[in-house]
Amino acid sequence: MLLLDSASPADAWRTHPYRWTSSTIGYYDLSHGYGWSLQQAAVAWDLSGAKVRFVPVPRARAQVIVGARLDAGDAREAGEAQIHVVGGRIDHAVVFIRNGVDRYTAAQILTHELGHVLGLAHEDRGCATMNSTLLGNHPWKCAAPPRGDWRCGLVTMDDATAAVHVYGGRALAPSREFCSVE
């Protein structure tokens, strides 16, 4: 896939040269057990400040289908986003997540994959949900959550800035980085 680095040197985010034409993206959940995680991921992007929203819709109206399968990507990948682009615009997408991860890690994986669905690329110059590697339950350039917490600040300021670059709006930082699992 062609990667277009559309960030200035002072920015750490990267985007691809395509986007959705609508500010509302309908998704359908086929993940069988990751519904809470998918909802957390969608809400995290909705609260990023970008003028784009993920909304659950019936399968027939979905632009994004989210499912779980054991063979998502290669043996090292926890998730995969397949983006279908027509005429420079995203037409539809399919997101996969590997079975067997806990709900908090699944929320992290699905937030990352929905970032790809928005047209964001991997970013490894700083802490971002779009880091290319997940270390257990957090992106590799981000701090690990303290014991008993999870990384509920799913969309970092870097990620929000990238989404705002593509869709407009004003980037918002998450209210908290970590939340208790209880």
C-alpha atoms as a PDB file:
ATOM      1  CA  MET A   1       0.000   0.000   0.000  1.00  0.00           C
ATOM      2  CA  LEU A   2       1.313   3.466  -0.861  1.00  0.00           C
ATOM      3  CA  LEU A   3       2.110   5.593   2.198  1.00  0.00           C
ATOM      4  CA  LEU A   4       1.869   9.348   1.902  1.00  0.00           C
ATOM      5  CA  ASP A   5       3.565  11.214   4.713  1.00  0.00           C
ATOM      6  CA  SER A   6       1.387  14.285   4.948  1.00  0.00           C
ATOM      7  CA  ALA A   7       2.721  15.504   8.266  1.00  0.00           C
ATOM      8  CA  SER A   8       5.087  18.393   8.699  1.00  0.00           C
ATOM      9  CA  PRO A   9       8.397  17.588  10.428  1.00  0.00           C
ATOM     10  CA  ALA A  10       7.073  18.918  13.769  1.00  0.00           C
ATOM     11  CA  ASP A  11       4.098  16.540  13.666  1.00  0.00           C
ATOM     12  CA  ALA A  12       4.321  12.842  14.446  1.00  0.00           C
ATOM     13  CA  TRP A  13       1.228  11.574  12.643  1.00  0.00           C
ATOM     14  CA  ARG A  14       0.885  10.086   9.160  1.00  0.00           C
ATOM     15  CA  THR A  15      -2.101   9.701   6.847  1.00  0.00           C
ATOM     16  CA  HIS A  16      -2.877   7.943   3.588  1.00  0.00           C
ATOM     17  CA  PRO A  17      -4.052   9.906   0.531  1.00  0.00           C
ATOM     18  CA  TYR A  18      -7.681   8.761   0.792  1.00  0.00           C
ATOM     19  CA  ARG A  19     -10.672   9.475   3.046  1.00  0.00           C
ATOM     20  CA  TRP A  20     -14.414   8.943   3.442  1.00  0.00           C
ATOM     21  CA  THR A  21     -16.716  11.372   1.626  1.00  0.00           C
ATOM     22  CA  SER A  22     -19.238  11.282   4.484  1.00  0.00           C
ATOM     23  CA  SER A  23     -18.657  12.437   8.050  1.00  0.00           C
ATOM     24  CA  THR A  24     -20.759   9.512   9.346  1.00  0.00           C
ATOM     25  CA  ILE A  25     -19.422   5.988   8.934  1.00  0.00           C
ATOM     26  CA  GLY A  26     -21.809   3.113   9.619  1.00  0.00           C
ATOM     27  CA  TYR A  27     -20.386  -0.083  11.081  1.00  0.00           C
ATOM     28  CA  TYR A  28     -21.793  -3.525  11.774  1.00  0.00           C
ATOM     29  CA  ASP A  29     -20.397  -5.821  14.471  1.00  0.00           C
ATOM     30  CA  LEU A  30     -19.794  -9.471  13.565  1.00  0.00           C
ATOM     31  CA  SER A  31     -17.019  -9.843  16.139  1.00  0.00           C
ATOM     32  CA  HIS A  32     -18.943 -12.217  18.441  1.00  0.00           C
ATOM     33  CA  GLY A  33     -17.818 -11.129  21.879  1.00  0.00           C
ATOM     34  CA  TYR A  34     -15.989  -7.883  21.199  1.00  0.00           C
ATOM     35  CA  GLY A  35     -19.033  -5.593  21.114  1.00  0.00           C
ATOM     36  CA  TRP A  36     -17.985  -3.615  24.215  1.00  0.00           C
ATOM     37  CA  SER A  37     -14.461  -3.208  22.851  1.00  0.00           C
ATOM     38  CA  LEU A  38     -15.738  -2.036  19.468  1.00  0.00           C
ATOM     39  CA  GLN A  39     -18.063   0.467  21.138  1.00  0.00           C
ATOM     40  CA  GLN A  40     -15.139   1.846  23.191  1.00  0.00           C
ATOM     41  CA  ALA A  41     -13.057   2.203  20.016  1.00  0.00           C
ATOM     42  CA  ALA A  42     -15.839   3.948  18.075  1.00  0.00           C
ATOM     43  CA  VAL A  43     -16.587   6.358  20.927  1.00  0.00           C
ATOM     44  CA  ALA A  44     -12.884   7.147  21.324  1.00  0.00           C
ATOM     45  CA  TRP A  45     -12.717   8.290  17.690  1.00  0.00           C
ATOM     46  CA  ASP A  46     -16.048  10.112  18.026  1.00  0.00           C
ATOM     47  CA  LEU A  47     -14.586  12.103  20.958  1.00  0.00           C
ATOM     48  CA  SER A  48     -11.298  12.880  19.169  1.00  0.00           C
ATOM     49  CA  GLY A  49     -12.540  16.241  17.903  1.00  0.00           C
ATOM     50  CA  ALA A  50     -12.431  15.165  14.248  1.00  0.00           C
ATOM     51  CA  LYS A  51     -15.578  15.849  12.242  1.00  0.00           C
ATOM     52  CA  VAL A  52     -16.252  12.158  11.651  1.00  0.00           C
ATOM     53  CA  ARG A  53     -18.403   9.656  13.560  1.00  0.00           C
ATOM     54  CA  PHE A  54     -18.733   5.892  13.729  1.00  0.00           C
ATOM     55  CA  VAL A  55     -22.341   4.754  14.221  1.00  0.00           C
ATOM     56  CA  PRO A  56     -23.758   1.228  14.517  1.00  0.00           C
ATOM     57  CA  VAL A  57     -26.124   0.403  11.655  1.00  0.00           C
ATOM     58  CA  PRO A  58     -27.885  -2.702  10.260  1.00  0.00           C
ATOM     59  CA  ARG A  59     -25.598  -4.893   8.178  1.00  0.00           C
ATOM     60  CA  ALA A  60     -27.274  -3.882   4.905  1.00  0.00           C
ATOM     61  CA  ARG A  61     -26.317  -0.215   5.515  1.00  0.00           C
ATOM     62  CA  ALA A  62     -22.839  -0.803   6.950  1.00  0.00           C
ATOM     63  CA  GLN A  63     -19.801   0.721   5.304  1.00  0.00           C
ATOM     64  CA  VAL A  64     -17.512  -1.096   7.746  1.00  0.00           C
ATOM     65  CA  ILE A  65     -17.923  -4.710   8.814  1.00  0.00           C
ATOM     66  CA  VAL A  66     -16.039  -5.729  11.969  1.00  0.00           C
ATOM     67  CA  GLY A  67     -15.454  -9.419  12.626  1.00  0.00           C
ATOM     68  CA  ALA A  68     -13.267 -11.817  14.568  1.00  0.00           C
ATOM     69  CA  ARG A  69     -11.266 -14.600  13.043  1.00  0.00           C
ATOM     70  CA  LEU A  70      -8.321 -16.684  14.149  1.00  0.00           C
ATOM     71  CA  ASP A  71      -6.239 -15.976  11.054  1.00  0.00           C
ATOM     72  CA  ALA A  72      -6.454 -12.160  11.025  1.00  0.00           C
ATOM     73  CA  GLY A  73      -3.375 -11.031   9.117  1.00  0.00           C
ATOM     74  CA  ASP A  74      -0.248 -13.090   9.588  1.00  0.00           C
ATOM     75  CA  ALA A  75       0.636 -14.958  12.769  1.00  0.00           C
ATOM     76  CA  ARG A  76       2.068 -11.793  14.377  1.00  0.00           C
ATOM     77  CA  GLU A  77      -0.896  -9.486  13.765  1.00  0.00           C
ATOM     78  CA  ALA A  78      -3.637  -8.894  16.298  1.00  0.00           C
ATOM     79  CA  GLY A  79      -5.872  -7.129  13.779  1.00  0.00           C
ATOM     80  CA  GLU A  80      -6.214  -6.137  10.165  1.00  0.00           C
ATOM     81  CA  ALA A  81      -8.119  -3.470   8.255  1.00  0.00           C
ATOM     82  CA  GLN A  82      -8.894  -4.000   4.582  1.00  0.00           C
ATOM     83  CA  ILE A  83      -9.731  -0.637   3.030  1.00  0.00           C
ATOM     84  CA  HIS A  84     -11.445  -0.527  -0.362  1.00  0.00           C
ATOM     85  CA  VAL A  85     -10.733   2.714  -2.229  1.00  0.00           C
ATOM     86  CA  VAL A  86     -12.568   3.849  -5.360  1.00  0.00           C
ATOM     87  CA  GLY A  87     -11.503   7.022  -7.156  1.00  0.00           C
ATOM     88  CA  GLY A  88      -9.353   8.197  -4.250  1.00  0.00           C
ATOM     89  CA  ARG A  89     -12.209   7.830  -1.741  1.00  0.00           C
ATOM     90  CA  ILE A  90     -12.839   5.067   0.785  1.00  0.00           C
ATOM     91  CA  ASP A  91     -15.862   3.061  -0.328  1.00  0.00           C
ATOM     92  CA  HIS A  92     -16.004   0.384   2.369  1.00  0.00           C
ATOM     93  CA  ALA A  93     -13.806  -1.519   4.795  1.00  0.00           C
ATOM     94  CA  VAL A  94     -13.551  -4.791   6.674  1.00  0.00           C
ATOM     95  CA  VAL A  95     -11.833  -5.032  10.059  1.00  0.00           C
ATOM     96  CA  PHE A  96     -10.631  -8.287  11.601  1.00  0.00           C
ATOM     97  CA  ILE A  97      -9.423  -8.986  15.124  1.00  0.00           C
ATOM     98  CA  ARG A  98      -7.743 -12.119  16.354  1.00  0.00           C
ATOM     99  CA  ASN A  99      -9.858 -14.253  18.691  1.00  0.00           C
ATOM    100  CA  GLY A 100      -8.740 -14.798  22.263  1.00  0.00           C
ATOM    101  CA  VAL A 101      -7.678 -11.321  23.428  1.00  0.00           C
ATOM    102  CA  ASP A 102      -9.190  -9.702  26.509  1.00  0.00           C
ATOM    103  CA  ARG A 103     -11.737  -6.895  26.086  1.00  0.00           C
ATOM    104  CA  TYR A 104      -9.278  -4.124  27.007  1.00  0.00           C
ATOM    105  CA  THR A 105      -6.629  -5.255  24.541  1.00  0.00           C
ATOM    106  CA  ALA A 106      -9.391  -5.744  21.960  1.00  0.00           C
ATOM    107  CA  ALA A 107     -10.447  -2.106  22.479  1.00  0.00           C
ATOM    108  CA  GLN A 108      -6.845  -1.031  21.793  1.00  0.00           C
ATOM    109  CA  ILE A 109      -6.624  -3.212  18.664  1.00  0.00           C
ATOM    110  CA  LEU A 110      -9.994  -2.084  17.296  1.00  0.00           C
ATOM    111  CA  THR A 111      -9.181   1.588  17.904  1.00  0.00           C
ATOM    112  CA  HIS A 112      -5.982   1.103  15.895  1.00  0.00           C
ATOM    113  CA  GLU A 113      -7.792  -0.671  13.066  1.00  0.00           C
ATOM    114  CA  LEU A 114     -10.550   1.979  12.971  1.00  0.00           C
ATOM    115  CA  GLY A 115      -7.733   4.514  12.662  1.00  0.00           C
ATOM    116  CA  HIS A 116      -6.715   2.742   9.449  1.00  0.00           C
ATOM    117  CA  VAL A 117     -10.377   2.820   8.388  1.00  0.00           C
ATOM    118  CA  LEU A 118     -10.211   6.623   8.757  1.00  0.00           C
ATOM    119  CA  GLY A 119      -7.131   6.748   6.517  1.00  0.00           C
ATOM    120  CA  LEU A 120      -4.456   6.987   9.211  1.00  0.00           C
ATOM    121  CA  ALA A 121      -1.134   5.241   8.713  1.00  0.00           C
ATOM    122  CA  HIS A 122       1.285   3.678  11.185  1.00  0.00           C
ATOM    123  CA  GLU A 123       3.201   6.168  13.307  1.00  0.00           C
ATOM    124  CA  ASP A 124       6.229   5.122  15.326  1.00  0.00           C
ATOM    125  CA  ARG A 125       7.917   8.443  16.144  1.00  0.00           C
ATOM    126  CA  GLY A 126       5.986   8.864  19.424  1.00  0.00           C
ATOM    127  CA  CYS A 127       3.161   7.491  21.539  1.00  0.00           C
ATOM    128  CA  ALA A 128       0.146   6.898  19.303  1.00  0.00           C
ATOM    129  CA  THR A 129      -2.609   4.349  18.949  1.00  0.00           C
ATOM    130  CA  MET A 130      -1.352   4.107  15.388  1.00  0.00           C
ATOM    131  CA  ASN A 131       2.038   2.701  16.542  1.00  0.00           C
ATOM    132  CA  SER A 132       2.769  -0.320  14.366  1.00  0.00           C
ATOM    133  CA  THR A 133       3.386  -2.662  17.311  1.00  0.00           C
ATOM    134  CA  LEU A 134       1.273  -3.549  20.329  1.00  0.00           C
ATOM    135  CA  LEU A 135       3.187  -4.629  23.440  1.00  0.00           C
ATOM    136  CA  GLY A 136       0.635  -6.747  25.217  1.00  0.00           C
ATOM    137  CA  ASN A 137      -1.996  -4.151  26.080  1.00  0.00           C
ATOM    138  CA  HIS A 138      -0.512  -0.867  24.860  1.00  0.00           C
ATOM    139  CA  PRO A 139       1.199   0.652  21.787  1.00  0.00           C
ATOM    140  CA  TRP A 140       4.948   0.162  21.974  1.00  0.00           C
ATOM    141  CA  LYS A 141       5.834   3.876  22.252  1.00  0.00           C
ATOM    142  CA  CYS A 142       3.212   4.510  24.968  1.00  0.00           C
ATOM    143  CA  ALA A 143       3.543   3.899  28.688  1.00  0.00           C
ATOM    144  CA  ALA A 144       2.198   0.602  29.976  1.00  0.00           C
ATOM    145  CA  PRO A 145      -0.867   0.936  32.197  1.00  0.00           C
ATOM    146  CA  PRO A 146      -0.252   0.448  35.911  1.00  0.00           C
ATOM    147  CA  ARG A 147      -1.281  -2.947  37.328  1.00  0.00           C
ATOM    148  CA  GLY A 148      -5.076  -3.101  37.621  1.00  0.00           C
ATOM    149  CA  ASP A 149      -5.614  -0.399  34.965  1.00  0.00           C
ATOM    150  CA  TRP A 150      -6.144  -0.394  31.215  1.00  0.00           C
ATOM    151  CA  ARG A 151      -5.266   2.230  28.620  1.00  0.00           C
ATOM    152  CA  CYS A 152      -8.696   3.869  28.266  1.00  0.00           C
ATOM    153  CA  GLY A 153      -7.229   6.965  26.530  1.00  0.00           C
ATOM    154  CA  LEU A 154      -7.485   5.007  23.303  1.00  0.00           C
ATOM    155  CA  VAL A 155      -6.986   7.940  20.900  1.00  0.00           C
ATOM    156  CA  THR A 156      -3.912  10.008  21.742  1.00  0.00           C
ATOM    157  CA  MET A 157      -3.555  13.686  20.882  1.00  0.00           C
ATOM    158  CA  ASP A 158      -1.292  12.606  18.014  1.00  0.00           C
ATOM    159  CA  ASP A 159      -4.011  10.339  16.608  1.00  0.00           C
ATOM    160  CA  ALA A 160      -6.691  13.018  17.057  1.00  0.00           C
ATOM    161  CA  THR A 161      -4.517  15.566  15.251  1.00  0.00           C
ATOM    162  CA  ALA A 162      -4.138  13.189  12.308  1.00  0.00           C
ATOM    163  CA  ALA A 163      -7.895  12.590  12.110  1.00  0.00           C
ATOM    164  CA  VAL A 164      -8.547  16.347  12.293  1.00  0.00           C
ATOM    165  CA  HIS A 165      -6.034  16.896   9.481  1.00  0.00           C
ATOM    166  CA  VAL A 166      -8.113  14.605   7.279  1.00  0.00           C
ATOM    167  CA  TYR A 167     -11.673  15.422   8.425  1.00  0.00           C
ATOM    168  CA  GLY A 168     -11.451  18.876  10.023  1.00  0.00           C
ATOM    169  CA  GLY A 169     -12.395  19.821  13.563  1.00  0.00           C
ATOM    170  CA  ARG A 170     -10.267  20.532  16.625  1.00  0.00           C
ATOM    171  CA  ALA A 171      -8.131  17.760  18.131  1.00  0.00           C
ATOM    172  CA  LEU A 172      -9.067  16.818  21.686  1.00  0.00           C
ATOM    173  CA  ALA A 173      -6.927  14.902  24.153  1.00  0.00           C
ATOM    174  CA  PRO A 174      -8.596  12.048  26.062  1.00  0.00           C
ATOM    175  CA  SER A 175      -9.791  12.992  29.541  1.00  0.00           C
ATOM    176  CA  ARG A 176      -7.735  10.127  31.063  1.00  0.00           C
ATOM    177  CA  GLU A 177      -4.944   7.905  29.864  1.00  0.00           C
ATOM    178  CA  PHE A 178      -5.633   5.009  32.253  1.00  0.00           C
ATOM    179  CA  CYS A 179      -8.780   3.631  33.913  1.00  0.00           C
ATOM    180  CA  SER A 180      -9.320   0.931  36.497  1.00  0.00           C
ATOM    181  CA  VAL A 181     -10.407  -2.444  35.149  1.00  0.00           C
ATOM    182  CA  GLU A 182     -12.860  -2.726  38.066  1.00  0.00           C
END
